[in-house]
Amino acid sequence: MDTQQFDALIIGFGKAGKTLAVALANAEKKVALVERSPKMYGGTCINIACIPTKVLVNAAEHHQSFDEAMAHKTTVVARLNEKNYHDAFWIVKR
């Protein structure tokens, strides 16, 4: 079994975990960032709370259909997930 040593293990890929991982990596610490689900890159706010809610409220204000609103919400969340995934990869590769 291959083992690795880390200075910090951060559980959760939300705003706090991501911010802490970057700060520790900038301080030249070796960091492991663990997220249970690849669908949760970025944490609760991006995936199931703040961002989806704001997108759906905006869609309602602009009289979009339910299907249009949900499609737009899915696109926004997927885009932010992808960005967070690549940000984490950048942290690891430094």
Protein backbone atom coordinates (compact mmCIF):
# COMPACT_ATOMS: atom_id res chain seq x y z
CA MET A 1 0.00 0.00 0.00
CA ASP A 2 1.36 3.38 -1.03
CA THR A 3 1.12 5.98 1.75
CA GLN A 4 1.66 9.70 1.71
CA GLN A 5 2.32 12.24 4.45
CA PHE A 6 0.39 15.52 4.65
CA ASP A 7 0.63 18.55 6.87
CA ALA A 8 -3.14 19.01 6.80
CA LEU A 9 -6.24 17.00 5.94
CA ILE A 10 -9.21 19.16 5.04
CA ILE A 11 -12.61 17.51 4.91
CA GLY A 12 -15.13 19.24 2.68
CA PHE A 13 -14.68 21.14 -0.56
CA GLY A 14 -16.80 24.13 0.37
CA LYS A 15 -15.71 27.74 0.64
CA ALA A 16 -13.93 27.28 3.98
CA GLY A 17 -12.14 24.09 2.96
CA LYS A 18 -11.03 25.49 -0.36
CA THR A 19 -9.85 28.77 1.19
CA LEU A 20 -7.91 26.96 3.92
CA ALA A 21 -6.33 24.59 1.40
CA VAL A 22 -5.09 27.51 -0.70
CA ALA A 23 -3.73 29.36 2.34
CA LEU A 24 -1.86 26.28 3.57
CA ALA A 25 -0.54 25.49 0.08
CA ASN A 26 0.69 29.07 -0.18
CA ALA A 27 2.50 28.50 3.12
CA GLU A 28 4.20 25.51 1.44
CA LYS A 29 2.24 22.91 3.40
CA LYS A 30 1.27 19.61 1.81
CA VAL A 31 -2.52 19.48 1.87
CA ALA A 32 -5.07 16.73 1.25
CA LEU A 33 -8.55 18.00 0.43
CA VAL A 34 -11.27 15.34 0.71
CA GLU A 35 -14.81 15.59 -0.62
CA ARG A 36 -17.21 12.67 -0.46
CA SER A 37 -19.04 13.56 -3.65
CA PRO A 38 -17.71 14.96 -6.93
CA LYS A 39 -21.13 16.59 -7.27
CA MET A 40 -20.35 18.80 -4.26
CA TYR A 41 -17.18 20.55 -5.46
CA GLY A 42 -17.64 24.04 -4.12
CA GLY A 43 -19.79 22.98 -1.17
CA THR A 44 -23.39 23.53 -0.21
CA CYS A 45 -23.65 27.15 -1.36
CA ILE A 46 -22.74 26.44 -4.97
CA ASN A 47 -24.58 23.16 -5.30
CA ILE A 48 -27.82 23.19 -3.31
CA ALA A 49 -28.24 26.47 -1.48
CA CYS A 50 -27.20 30.04 -2.29
CA ILE A 51 -26.40 29.88 -5.99
CA PRO A 52 -29.25 27.63 -7.17
CA THR A 53 -31.72 29.66 -5.12
CA LYS A 54 -30.55 32.95 -6.59
CA VAL A 55 -30.63 31.57 -10.13
CA LEU A 56 -34.17 30.26 -9.66
CA VAL A 57 -35.40 33.50 -8.05
CA ASN A 58 -33.92 35.46 -10.94
CA ALA A 59 -35.59 33.11 -13.42
CA ALA A 60 -38.96 33.65 -11.72
CA GLU A 61 -38.48 37.42 -11.84
CA HIS A 62 -37.85 37.12 -15.59
CA HIS A 63 -40.87 34.84 -16.09
CA GLN A 64 -38.85 31.90 -17.37
CA SER A 65 -40.57 28.54 -17.59
CA PHE A 66 -39.77 25.90 -15.00
CA ASP A 67 -37.80 23.87 -17.55
CA GLU A 68 -35.78 26.92 -18.66
CA ALA A 69 -35.06 27.88 -15.06
CA MET A 70 -33.93 24.39 -14.09
CA ALA A 71 -31.75 24.06 -17.19
CA HIS A 72 -30.08 27.40 -16.45
CA LYS A 73 -29.58 26.45 -12.79
CA THR A 74 -27.99 23.15 -13.84
CA THR A 75 -25.65 24.97 -16.25
CA VAL A 76 -24.56 27.51 -13.64
CA VAL A 77 -23.93 24.85 -10.99
CA ALA A 78 -22.02 22.62 -13.44
CA ARG A 79 -19.84 25.56 -14.53
CA LEU A 80 -18.97 26.41 -10.93
CA ASN A 81 -18.32 22.73 -10.10
CA GLU A 82 -15.91 22.50 -13.01
CA LYS A 83 -14.11 25.67 -11.96
CA ASN A 84 -13.76 24.42 -8.39
CA TYR A 85 -12.48 21.06 -9.58
CA HIS A 86 -9.78 22.72 -11.69
CA ASP A 87 -8.91 25.12 -8.84
CA ALA A 88 -8.32 22.11 -6.57
CA PHE A 89 -6.16 20.44 -9.21
CA TRP A 90 -4.08 23.62 -9.35
CA ILE A 91 -3.61 23.48 -5.56
CA VAL A 92 -2.42 19.88 -5.74
CA LYS A 93 0.00 20.48 -8.59
CA ARG A 94 1.84 23.40 -6.99
